[in-house]
Amino acid sequence: MRDGPAGTDLLLALAIAYFAEAFDEAPPDLEATQSDLSALVRHVTRGEADAGRRALLAEALDAIDDGLAGDAVAGRLAAARAGGGDGGDPVELLLAEAKELAIRG
């Protein structure tokens, strides 16, 4: 996992992919829960220096905690990611990172 802004972007991409249901279900022993993703977004929020982006992340956390539909949560996370990420497709970013990790072995 990358450190700094690139690592944060990957974490947000992962959360977006989860709520957008972009991937097939994980095996039960690896499956994340909404609580896991809430903790992940809280972690990202605590480390965010930009007040505007922190506010967008807080909105996404509220959406997660309120149990809003996955696409609504993914949209809020995408708005927060756009404030600090490259704006590229989150699934493509995750697949590229997985490929790079596999190459590094």
PDB file of N, CA and C in Angstrom:
ATOM      1  N   MET A   1       0.843  -1.175   0.000  1.00  0.00           N
ATOM      2  CA  MET A   1       0.000   0.000   0.000  1.00  0.00           C
ATOM      3  C   MET A   1       0.887   1.237   0.000  1.00  0.00           C
ATOM      4  N   ARG A   2       0.492   2.192  -0.771  1.00  0.00           N
ATOM      5  CA  ARG A   2       1.251   3.443  -0.875  1.00  0.00           C
ATOM      6  C   ARG A   2       0.967   4.341   0.323  1.00  0.00           C
ATOM      7  N   ASP A   3       1.923   5.193   0.625  1.00  0.00           N
ATOM      8  CA  ASP A   3       1.755   6.172   1.699  1.00  0.00           C
ATOM      9  C   ASP A   3       1.288   7.495   1.111  1.00  0.00           C
ATOM     10  N   GLY A   4       0.847   8.392   1.974  1.00  0.00           N
ATOM     11  CA  GLY A   4       0.501   9.744   1.565  1.00  0.00           C
ATOM     12  C   GLY A   4      -0.752   9.821   0.725  1.00  0.00           C
ATOM     13  N   PRO A   5      -0.845  10.859  -0.115  1.00  0.00           N
ATOM     14  CA  PRO A   5      -2.045  11.075  -0.930  1.00  0.00           C
ATOM     15  C   PRO A   5      -2.381   9.891  -1.850  1.00  0.00           C
ATOM     16  N   ALA A   6      -1.364   9.235  -2.395  1.00  0.00           N
ATOM     17  CA  ALA A   6      -1.640   8.092  -3.274  1.00  0.00           C
ATOM     18  C   ALA A   6      -2.295   6.960  -2.495  1.00  0.00           C
ATOM     19  N   GLY A   7      -1.841   6.742  -1.254  1.00  0.00           N
ATOM     20  CA  GLY A   7      -2.443   5.712  -0.413  1.00  0.00           C
ATOM     21  C   GLY A   7      -3.874   6.063  -0.033  1.00  0.00           C
ATOM     22  N   THR A   8      -4.102   7.323   0.283  1.00  0.00           N
ATOM     23  CA  THR A   8      -5.450   7.787   0.612  1.00  0.00           C
ATOM     24  C   THR A   8      -6.369   7.615  -0.588  1.00  0.00           C
ATOM     25  N   ASP A   9      -5.868   7.932  -1.769  1.00  0.00           N
ATOM     26  CA  ASP A   9      -6.663   7.784  -2.992  1.00  0.00           C
ATOM     27  C   ASP A   9      -7.048   6.317  -3.200  1.00  0.00           C
ATOM     28  N   LEU A  10      -6.111   5.415  -2.942  1.00  0.00           N
ATOM     29  CA  LEU A  10      -6.409   3.989  -3.071  1.00  0.00           C
ATOM     30  C   LEU A  10      -7.468   3.545  -2.067  1.00  0.00           C
ATOM     31  N   LEU A  11      -7.364   4.028  -0.834  1.00  0.00           N
ATOM     32  CA  LEU A  11      -8.357   3.662   0.175  1.00  0.00           C
ATOM     33  C   LEU A  11      -9.745   4.152  -0.218  1.00  0.00           C
ATOM     34  N   LEU A  12      -9.818   5.379  -0.710  1.00  0.00           N
ATOM     35  CA  LEU A  12     -11.115   5.893  -1.146  1.00  0.00           C
ATOM     36  C   LEU A  12     -11.631   5.134  -2.368  1.00  0.00           C
ATOM     37  N   ALA A  13     -10.733   4.777  -3.271  1.00  0.00           N
ATOM     38  CA  ALA A  13     -11.141   3.984  -4.441  1.00  0.00           C
ATOM     39  C   ALA A  13     -11.700   2.638  -3.992  1.00  0.00           C
ATOM     40  N   LEU A  14     -11.077   2.040  -2.995  1.00  0.00           N
ATOM     41  CA  LEU A  14     -11.558   0.767  -2.466  1.00  0.00           C
ATOM     42  C   LEU A  14     -12.951   0.918  -1.861  1.00  0.00           C
ATOM     43  N   ALA A  15     -13.147   1.968  -1.088  1.00  0.00           N
ATOM     44  CA  ALA A  15     -14.459   2.199  -0.488  1.00  0.00           C
ATOM     45  C   ALA A  15     -15.519   2.454  -1.561  1.00  0.00           C
ATOM     46  N   ILE A  16     -15.169   3.207  -2.586  1.00  0.00           N
ATOM     47  CA  ILE A  16     -16.112   3.465  -3.682  1.00  0.00           C
ATOM     48  C   ILE A  16     -16.485   2.156  -4.370  1.00  0.00           C
ATOM     49  N   ALA A  17     -15.483   1.339  -4.666  1.00  0.00           N
ATOM     50  CA  ALA A  17     -15.742   0.054  -5.334  1.00  0.00           C
ATOM     51  C   ALA A  17     -16.644  -0.828  -4.474  1.00  0.00           C
ATOM     52  N   TYR A  18     -16.430  -0.806  -3.166  1.00  0.00           N
ATOM     53  CA  TYR A  18     -17.265  -1.599  -2.259  1.00  0.00           C
ATOM     54  C   TYR A  18     -18.722  -1.155  -2.354  1.00  0.00           C
ATOM     55  N   PHE A  19     -18.961   0.149  -2.199  1.00  0.00           N
ATOM     56  CA  PHE A  19     -20.337   0.630  -2.179  1.00  0.00           C
ATOM     57  C   PHE A  19     -20.987   0.602  -3.555  1.00  0.00           C
ATOM     58  N   ALA A  20     -20.189   0.667  -4.602  1.00  0.00           N
ATOM     59  CA  ALA A  20     -20.727   0.564  -5.963  1.00  0.00           C
ATOM     60  C   ALA A  20     -20.906  -0.888  -6.386  1.00  0.00           C
ATOM     61  N   GLU A  21     -20.498  -1.802  -5.504  1.00  0.00           N
ATOM     62  CA  GLU A  21     -20.571  -3.245  -5.783  1.00  0.00           C
ATOM     63  C   GLU A  21     -19.900  -3.574  -7.115  1.00  0.00           C
ATOM     64  N   ALA A  22     -18.697  -3.025  -7.285  1.00  0.00           N
ATOM     65  CA  ALA A  22     -17.969  -3.153  -8.545  1.00  0.00           C
ATOM     66  C   ALA A  22     -17.335  -4.528  -8.744  1.00  0.00           C
ATOM     67  N   PHE A  23     -17.142  -5.265  -7.659  1.00  0.00           N
ATOM     68  CA  PHE A  23     -16.499  -6.576  -7.751  1.00  0.00           C
ATOM     69  C   PHE A  23     -17.438  -7.652  -7.237  1.00  0.00           C
ATOM     70  N   ASP A  24     -17.166  -8.890  -7.641  1.00  0.00           N
ATOM     71  CA  ASP A  24     -17.921 -10.016  -7.115  1.00  0.00           C
ATOM     72  C   ASP A  24     -17.708 -10.102  -5.611  1.00  0.00           C
ATOM     73  N   GLU A  25     -18.605 -10.804  -4.949  1.00  0.00           N
ATOM     74  CA  GLU A  25     -18.486 -10.947  -3.503  1.00  0.00           C
ATOM     75  C   GLU A  25     -17.196 -11.660  -3.140  1.00  0.00           C
ATOM     76  N   ALA A  26     -16.604 -11.211  -2.055  1.00  0.00           N
ATOM     77  CA  ALA A  26     -15.378 -11.824  -1.548  1.00  0.00           C
ATOM     78  C   ALA A  26     -15.727 -13.093  -0.786  1.00  0.00           C
ATOM     79  N   PRO A  27     -14.758 -13.980  -0.645  1.00  0.00           N
ATOM     80  CA  PRO A  27     -14.994 -15.148   0.205  1.00  0.00           C
ATOM     81  C   PRO A  27     -15.353 -14.680   1.616  1.00  0.00           C
ATOM     82  N   PRO A  28     -16.190 -15.422   2.322  1.00  0.00           N
ATOM     83  CA  PRO A  28     -16.654 -14.977   3.641  1.00  0.00           C
ATOM     84  C   PRO A  28     -15.536 -14.603   4.614  1.00  0.00           C
ATOM     85  N   ASP A  29     -14.393 -15.283   4.544  1.00  0.00           N
ATOM     86  CA  ASP A  29     -13.316 -14.968   5.483  1.00  0.00           C
ATOM     87  C   ASP A  29     -12.575 -13.680   5.123  1.00  0.00           C
ATOM     88  N   LEU A  30     -12.824 -13.139   3.934  1.00  0.00           N
ATOM     89  CA  LEU A  30     -12.190 -11.892   3.508  1.00  0.00           C
ATOM     90  C   LEU A  30     -13.182 -10.746   3.329  1.00  0.00           C
ATOM     91  N   GLU A  31     -14.447 -11.038   3.498  1.00  0.00           N
ATOM     92  CA  GLU A  31     -15.495 -10.070   3.229  1.00  0.00           C
ATOM     93  C   GLU A  31     -15.472  -8.905   4.218  1.00  0.00           C
ATOM     94  N   ALA A  32     -15.577  -7.702   3.697  1.00  0.00           N
ATOM     95  CA  ALA A  32     -15.652  -6.503   4.527  1.00  0.00           C
ATOM     96  C   ALA A  32     -17.110  -6.228   4.876  1.00  0.00           C
ATOM     97  N   THR A  33     -17.307  -5.497   5.944  1.00  0.00           N
ATOM     98  CA  THR A  33     -18.646  -5.087   6.344  1.00  0.00           C
ATOM     99  C   THR A  33     -18.764  -3.578   6.205  1.00  0.00           C
ATOM    100  N   GLN A  34     -19.977  -3.092   6.323  1.00  0.00           N
ATOM    101  CA  GLN A  34     -20.177  -1.652   6.276  1.00  0.00           C
ATOM    102  C   GLN A  34     -19.444  -0.992   7.446  1.00  0.00           C
ATOM    103  N   SER A  35     -19.380  -1.674   8.562  1.00  0.00           N
ATOM    104  CA  SER A  35     -18.646  -1.161   9.717  1.00  0.00           C
ATOM    105  C   SER A  35     -17.152  -1.039   9.406  1.00  0.00           C
ATOM    106  N   ASP A  36     -16.605  -2.025   8.690  1.00  0.00           N
ATOM    107  CA  ASP A  36     -15.199  -1.961   8.275  1.00  0.00           C
ATOM    108  C   ASP A  36     -14.954  -0.746   7.392  1.00  0.00           C
ATOM    109  N   LEU A  37     -15.871  -0.516   6.450  1.00  0.00           N
ATOM    110  CA  LEU A  37     -15.701   0.617   5.534  1.00  0.00           C
ATOM    111  C   LEU A  37     -15.904   1.943   6.249  1.00  0.00           C
ATOM    112  N   SER A  38     -16.784   1.970   7.222  1.00  0.00           N
ATOM    113  CA  SER A  38     -16.951   3.180   8.021  1.00  0.00           C
ATOM    114  C   SER A  38     -15.652   3.494   8.766  1.00  0.00           C
ATOM    115  N   ALA A  39     -15.020   2.468   9.329  1.00  0.00           N
ATOM    116  CA  ALA A  39     -13.742   2.666  10.028  1.00  0.00           C
ATOM    117  C   ALA A  39     -12.663   3.143   9.064  1.00  0.00           C
ATOM    118  N   LEU A  40     -12.651   2.608   7.859  1.00  0.00           N
ATOM    119  CA  LEU A  40     -11.673   3.018   6.856  1.00  0.00           C
ATOM    120  C   LEU A  40     -11.842   4.497   6.516  1.00  0.00           C
ATOM    121  N   VAL A  41     -13.080   4.923   6.285  1.00  0.00           N
ATOM    122  CA  VAL A  41     -13.330   6.318   5.932  1.00  0.00           C
ATOM    123  C   VAL A  41     -13.032   7.233   7.124  1.00  0.00           C
ATOM    124  N   ARG A  42     -13.319   6.779   8.330  1.00  0.00           N
ATOM    125  CA  ARG A  42     -12.962   7.569   9.515  1.00  0.00           C
ATOM    126  C   ARG A  42     -11.444   7.759   9.588  1.00  0.00           C
ATOM    127  N   HIS A  43     -10.709   6.698   9.303  1.00  0.00           N
ATOM    128  CA  HIS A  43      -9.249   6.771   9.303  1.00  0.00           C
ATOM    129  C   HIS A  43      -8.759   7.807   8.284  1.00  0.00           C
ATOM    130  N   VAL A  44      -9.305   7.753   7.093  1.00  0.00           N
ATOM    131  CA  VAL A  44      -8.921   8.711   6.051  1.00  0.00           C
ATOM    132  C   VAL A  44      -9.280  10.129   6.486  1.00  0.00           C
ATOM    133  N   THR A  45     -10.452  10.290   7.088  1.00  0.00           N
ATOM    134  CA  THR A  45     -10.908  11.605   7.517  1.00  0.00           C
ATOM    135  C   THR A  45      -9.977  12.195   8.571  1.00  0.00           C
ATOM    136  N   ARG A  46      -9.546  11.376   9.526  1.00  0.00           N
ATOM    137  CA  ARG A  46      -8.643  11.865  10.579  1.00  0.00           C
ATOM    138  C   ARG A  46      -7.323  12.377  10.004  1.00  0.00           C
ATOM    139  N   GLY A  47      -6.865  11.784   8.923  1.00  0.00           N
ATOM    140  CA  GLY A  47      -5.596  12.189   8.335  1.00  0.00           C
ATOM    141  C   GLY A  47      -5.693  13.291   7.297  1.00  0.00           C
ATOM    142  N   GLU A  48      -6.903  13.731   6.997  1.00  0.00           N
ATOM    143  CA  GLU A  48      -7.097  14.739   5.948  1.00  0.00           C
ATOM    144  C   GLU A  48      -6.878  16.150   6.483  1.00  0.00           C
ATOM    145  N   ALA A  49      -5.946  16.870   5.874  1.00  0.00           N
ATOM    146  CA  ALA A  49      -5.629  18.230   6.303  1.00  0.00           C
ATOM    147  C   ALA A  49      -6.568  19.274   5.717  1.00  0.00           C
ATOM    148  N   ASP A  50      -7.088  19.032   4.512  1.00  0.00           N
ATOM    149  CA  ASP A  50      -7.940  20.003   3.824  1.00  0.00           C
ATOM    150  C   ASP A  50      -9.347  19.999   4.433  1.00  0.00           C
ATOM    151  N   ALA A  51      -9.784  21.157   4.920  1.00  0.00           N
ATOM    152  CA  ALA A  51     -11.081  21.260   5.590  1.00  0.00           C
ATOM    153  C   ALA A  51     -12.243  20.923   4.655  1.00  0.00           C
ATOM    154  N   GLY A  52     -12.169  21.358   3.420  1.00  0.00           N
ATOM    155  CA  GLY A  52     -13.245  21.071   2.469  1.00  0.00           C
ATOM    156  C   GLY A  52     -13.374  19.590   2.187  1.00  0.00           C
ATOM    157  N   ARG A  53     -12.253  18.952   2.010  1.00  0.00           N
ATOM    158  CA  ARG A  53     -12.276  17.514   1.746  1.00  0.00           C
ATOM    159  C   ARG A  53     -12.724  16.749   2.994  1.00  0.00           C
ATOM    160  N   ARG A  54     -12.311  17.216   4.170  1.00  0.00           N
ATOM    161  CA  ARG A  54     -12.752  16.597   5.420  1.00  0.00           C
ATOM    162  C   ARG A  54     -14.274  16.677   5.542  1.00  0.00           C
ATOM    163  N   ALA A  55     -14.836  17.807   5.144  1.00  0.00           N
ATOM    164  CA  ALA A  55     -16.295  17.973   5.195  1.00  0.00           C
ATOM    165  C   ALA A  55     -16.986  16.989   4.249  1.00  0.00           C
ATOM    166  N   LEU A  56     -16.423  16.805   3.055  1.00  0.00           N
ATOM    167  CA  LEU A  56     -16.998  15.834   2.108  1.00  0.00           C
ATOM    168  C   LEU A  56     -16.898  14.415   2.655  1.00  0.00           C
ATOM    169  N   LEU A  57     -15.783  14.097   3.298  1.00  0.00           N
ATOM    170  CA  LEU A  57     -15.623  12.775   3.905  1.00  0.00           C
ATOM    171  C   LEU A  57     -16.613  12.584   5.052  1.00  0.00           C
ATOM    172  N   ALA A  58     -16.864  13.651   5.815  1.00  0.00           N
ATOM    173  CA  ALA A  58     -17.839  13.576   6.907  1.00  0.00           C
ATOM    174  C   ALA A  58     -19.237  13.299   6.357  1.00  0.00           C
ATOM    175  N   GLU A  59     -19.569  13.908   5.225  1.00  0.00           N
ATOM    176  CA  GLU A  59     -20.861  13.643   4.577  1.00  0.00           C
ATOM    177  C   GLU A  59     -20.950  12.182   4.151  1.00  0.00           C
ATOM    178  N   ALA A  60     -19.857  11.653   3.627  1.00  0.00           N
ATOM    179  CA  ALA A  60     -19.841  10.245   3.228  1.00  0.00           C
ATOM    180  C   ALA A  60     -20.003   9.343   4.448  1.00  0.00           C
ATOM    181  N   LEU A  61     -19.346   9.691   5.541  1.00  0.00           N
ATOM    182  CA  LEU A  61     -19.493   8.909   6.781  1.00  0.00           C
ATOM    183  C   LEU A  61     -20.927   8.933   7.276  1.00  0.00           C
ATOM    184  N   ASP A  62     -21.549  10.089   7.242  1.00  0.00           N
ATOM    185  CA  ASP A  62     -22.957  10.182   7.639  1.00  0.00           C
ATOM    186  C   ASP A  62     -23.819   9.282   6.762  1.00  0.00           C
ATOM    187  N   ALA A  63     -23.539   9.260   5.471  1.00  0.00           N
ATOM    188  CA  ALA A  63     -24.305   8.423   4.547  1.00  0.00           C
ATOM    189  C   ALA A  63     -24.114   6.942   4.877  1.00  0.00           C
ATOM    190  N   ILE A  64     -22.880   6.553   5.201  1.00  0.00           N
ATOM    191  CA  ILE A  64     -22.614   5.162   5.578  1.00  0.00           C
ATOM    192  C   ILE A  64     -23.367   4.833   6.862  1.00  0.00           C
ATOM    193  N   ASP A  65     -23.205   5.678   7.878  1.00  0.00           N
ATOM    194  CA  ASP A  65     -23.815   5.431   9.183  1.00  0.00           C
ATOM    195  C   ASP A  65     -25.340   5.464   9.131  1.00  0.00           C
ATOM    196  N   ASP A  66     -25.897   6.248   8.200  1.00  0.00           N
ATOM    197  CA  ASP A  66     -27.350   6.317   8.038  1.00  0.00           C
ATOM    198  C   ASP A  66     -27.889   5.171   7.191  1.00  0.00           C
ATOM    199  N   GLY A  67     -26.990   4.367   6.630  1.00  0.00           N
ATOM    200  CA  GLY A  67     -27.419   3.223   5.827  1.00  0.00           C
ATOM    201  C   GLY A  67     -27.977   3.599   4.465  1.00  0.00           C
ATOM    202  N   LEU A  68     -27.512   4.716   3.903  1.00  0.00           N
ATOM    203  CA  LEU A  68     -27.983   5.095   2.567  1.00  0.00           C
ATOM    204  C   LEU A  68     -27.578   4.041   1.538  1.00  0.00           C
ATOM    205  N   ALA A  69     -28.226   4.067   0.411  1.00  0.00           N
ATOM    206  CA  ALA A  69     -27.933   3.117  -0.670  1.00  0.00           C
ATOM    207  C   ALA A  69     -26.476   3.242  -1.102  1.00  0.00           C
ATOM    208  N   GLY A  70     -25.930   2.134  -1.563  1.00  0.00           N
ATOM    209  CA  GLY A  70     -24.526   2.087  -1.954  1.00  0.00           C
ATOM    210  C   GLY A  70     -24.143   3.130  -2.973  1.00  0.00           C
ATOM    211  N   ASP A  71     -25.004   3.368  -3.960  1.00  0.00           N
ATOM    212  CA  ASP A  71     -24.655   4.349  -4.990  1.00  0.00           C
ATOM    213  C   ASP A  71     -24.603   5.768  -4.420  1.00  0.00           C
ATOM    214  N   ALA A  72     -25.435   6.052  -3.426  1.00  0.00           N
ATOM    215  CA  ALA A  72     -25.404   7.371  -2.792  1.00  0.00           C
ATOM    216  C   ALA A  72     -24.102   7.549  -2.007  1.00  0.00           C
ATOM    217  N   VAL A  73     -23.691   6.499  -1.302  1.00  0.00           N
ATOM    218  CA  VAL A  73     -22.444   6.564  -0.547  1.00  0.00           C
ATOM    219  C   VAL A  73     -21.262   6.682  -1.516  1.00  0.00           C
ATOM    220  N   ALA A  74     -21.280   5.871  -2.573  1.00  0.00           N
ATOM    221  CA  ALA A  74     -20.193   5.906  -3.554  1.00  0.00           C
ATOM    222  C   ALA A  74     -20.073   7.296  -4.170  1.00  0.00           C
ATOM    223  N   GLY A  75     -21.190   7.949  -4.436  1.00  0.00           N
ATOM    224  CA  GLY A  75     -21.169   9.301  -4.997  1.00  0.00           C
ATOM    225  C   GLY A  75     -20.524  10.307  -4.049  1.00  0.00           C
ATOM    226  N   ARG A  76     -20.832  10.194  -2.775  1.00  0.00           N
ATOM    227  CA  ARG A  76     -20.234  11.101  -1.794  1.00  0.00           C
ATOM    228  C   ARG A  76     -18.734  10.844  -1.655  1.00  0.00           C
ATOM    229  N   LEU A  77     -18.352   9.573  -1.657  1.00  0.00           N
ATOM    230  CA  LEU A  77     -16.936   9.234  -1.585  1.00  0.00           C
ATOM    231  C   LEU A  77     -16.200   9.715  -2.833  1.00  0.00           C
ATOM    232  N   ALA A  78     -16.840   9.597  -3.989  1.00  0.00           N
ATOM    233  CA  ALA A  78     -16.217  10.060  -5.231  1.00  0.00           C
ATOM    234  C   ALA A  78     -16.001  11.573  -5.194  1.00  0.00           C
ATOM    235  N   ALA A  79     -16.950  12.302  -4.621  1.00  0.00           N
ATOM    236  CA  ALA A  79     -16.792  13.753  -4.505  1.00  0.00           C
ATOM    237  C   ALA A  79     -15.604  14.081  -3.605  1.00  0.00           C
ATOM    238  N   ALA A  80     -15.443  13.353  -2.512  1.00  0.00           N
ATOM    239  CA  ALA A  80     -14.309  13.576  -1.616  1.00  0.00           C
ATOM    240  C   ALA A  80     -13.010  13.183  -2.304  1.00  0.00           C
ATOM    241  N   ARG A  81     -13.023  12.100  -3.037  1.00  0.00           N
ATOM    242  CA  ARG A  81     -11.820  11.640  -3.743  1.00  0.00           C
ATOM    243  C   ARG A  81     -11.413  12.641  -4.815  1.00  0.00           C
ATOM    244  N   ALA A  82     -12.368  13.199  -5.520  1.00  0.00           N
ATOM    245  CA  ALA A  82     -12.063  14.152  -6.591  1.00  0.00           C
ATOM    246  C   ALA A  82     -11.346  15.374  -6.038  1.00  0.00           C
ATOM    247  N   GLY A  83     -11.572  15.664  -4.761  1.00  0.00           N
ATOM    248  CA  GLY A  83     -10.913  16.806  -4.140  1.00  0.00           C
ATOM    249  C   GLY A  83      -9.429  16.582  -3.902  1.00  0.00           C
ATOM    250  N   GLY A  84      -8.971  15.341  -3.966  1.00  0.00           N
ATOM    251  CA  GLY A  84      -7.565  15.095  -3.689  1.00  0.00           C
ATOM    252  C   GLY A  84      -6.958  14.012  -4.550  1.00  0.00           C
ATOM    253  N   GLY A  85      -7.780  13.291  -5.268  1.00  0.00           N
ATOM    254  CA  GLY A  85      -7.275  12.214  -6.108  1.00  0.00           C
ATOM    255  C   GLY A  85      -7.089  12.660  -7.532  1.00  0.00           C
ATOM    256  N   ASP A  86      -6.695  11.703  -8.362  1.00  0.00           N
ATOM    257  CA  ASP A  86      -6.475  12.036  -9.764  1.00  0.00           C
ATOM    258  C   ASP A  86      -7.773  12.068 -10.550  1.00  0.00           C
ATOM    259  N   GLY A  87      -8.874  11.658  -9.914  1.00  0.00           N
ATOM    260  CA  GLY A  87     -10.158  11.677 -10.580  1.00  0.00           C
ATOM    261  C   GLY A  87     -10.376  10.527 -11.536  1.00  0.00           C
ATOM    262  N   GLY A  88      -9.395   9.633 -11.667  1.00  0.00           N
ATOM    263  CA  GLY A  88      -9.551   8.476 -12.543  1.00  0.00           C
ATOM    264  C   GLY A  88     -10.545   7.478 -11.981  1.00  0.00           C
ATOM    265  N   ASP A  89     -10.906   6.518 -12.796  1.00  0.00           N
ATOM    266  CA  ASP A  89     -11.853   5.489 -12.406  1.00  0.00           C
ATOM    267  C   ASP A  89     -11.298   4.692 -11.223  1.00  0.00           C
ATOM    268  N   PRO A  90     -12.056   4.580 -10.132  1.00  0.00           N
ATOM    269  CA  PRO A  90     -11.534   3.888  -8.951  1.00  0.00           C
ATOM    270  C   PRO A  90     -11.250   2.407  -9.191  1.00  0.00           C
ATOM    271  N   VAL A  91     -12.073   1.747  -9.973  1.00  0.00           N
ATOM    272  CA  VAL A  91     -11.856   0.316 -10.238  1.00  0.00           C
ATOM    273  C   VAL A  91     -10.591   0.119 -11.062  1.00  0.00           C
ATOM    274  N   GLU A  92     -10.392   0.960 -12.070  1.00  0.00           N
ATOM    275  CA  GLU A  92      -9.164   0.861 -12.870  1.00  0.00           C
ATOM    276  C   GLU A  92      -7.931   1.115 -12.009  1.00  0.00           C
ATOM    277  N   LEU A  93      -8.028   2.067 -11.092  1.00  0.00           N
ATOM    278  CA  LEU A  93      -6.921   2.354 -10.187  1.00  0.00           C
ATOM    279  C   LEU A  93      -6.602   1.136  -9.322  1.00  0.00           C
ATOM    280  N   LEU A  94      -7.627   0.499  -8.775  1.00  0.00           N
ATOM    281  CA  LEU A  94      -7.424  -0.684  -7.931  1.00  0.00           C
ATOM    282  C   LEU A  94      -6.837  -1.844  -8.724  1.00  0.00           C
ATOM    283  N   LEU A  95      -7.334  -2.058  -9.932  1.00  0.00           N
ATOM    284  CA  LEU A  95      -6.806  -3.145 -10.765  1.00  0.00           C
ATOM    285  C   LEU A  95      -5.349  -2.896 -11.138  1.00  0.00           C
ATOM    286  N   ALA A  96      -5.002  -1.659 -11.443  1.00  0.00           N
ATOM    287  CA  ALA A  96      -3.616  -1.322 -11.779  1.00  0.00           C
ATOM    288  C   ALA A  96      -2.713  -1.538 -10.564  1.00  0.00           C
ATOM    289  N   GLU A  97      -3.191  -1.169  -9.386  1.00  0.00           N
ATOM    290  CA  GLU A  97      -2.393  -1.364  -8.174  1.00  0.00           C
ATOM    291  C   GLU A  97      -2.218  -2.861  -7.882  1.00  0.00           C
ATOM    292  N   ALA A  98      -3.264  -3.646  -8.073  1.00  0.00           N
ATOM    293  CA  ALA A  98      -3.168  -5.093  -7.857  1.00  0.00           C
ATOM    294  C   ALA A  98      -2.170  -5.711  -8.824  1.00  0.00           C
ATOM    295  N   LYS A  99      -2.213  -5.264 -10.063  1.00  0.00           N
ATOM    296  CA  LYS A  99      -1.280  -5.776 -11.063  1.00  0.00           C
ATOM    297  C   LYS A  99       0.167  -5.425 -10.690  1.00  0.00           C
ATOM    298  N   GLU A 100       0.363  -4.179 -10.246  1.00  0.00           N
ATOM    299  CA  GLU A 100       1.697  -3.741  -9.850  1.00  0.00           C
ATOM    300  C   GLU A 100       2.199  -4.537  -8.648  1.00  0.00           C
ATOM    301  N   LEU A 101       1.331  -4.794  -7.696  1.00  0.00           N
ATOM    302  CA  LEU A 101       1.729  -5.587  -6.529  1.00  0.00           C
ATOM    303  C   LEU A 101       2.077  -7.017  -6.921  1.00  0.00           C
ATOM    304  N   ALA A 102       1.331  -7.574  -7.875  1.00  0.00           N
ATOM    305  CA  ALA A 102       1.601  -8.932  -8.333  1.00  0.00           C
ATOM    306  C   ALA A 102       2.957  -9.003  -9.036  1.00  0.00           C
ATOM    307  N   ILE A 103       3.293  -7.972  -9.788  1.00  0.00           N
ATOM    308  CA  ILE A 103       4.569  -7.928 -10.491  1.00  0.00           C
ATOM    309  C   ILE A 103       5.716  -7.855  -9.495  1.00  0.00           C
ATOM    310  N   ARG A 104       5.527  -7.028  -8.444  1.00  0.00           N
ATOM    311  CA  ARG A 104       6.573  -6.896  -7.423  1.00  0.00           C
ATOM    312  C   ARG A 104       6.741  -8.178  -6.618  1.00  0.00           C
ATOM    313  N   GLY A 105       5.670  -8.987  -6.613  1.00  0.00           N
ATOM    314  CA  GLY A 105       5.724 -10.305  -5.991  1.00  0.00           C
ATOM    315  C   GLY A 105       5.716 -10.305  -4.541  1.00  0.00           C
TER     316      GLY A 105
END
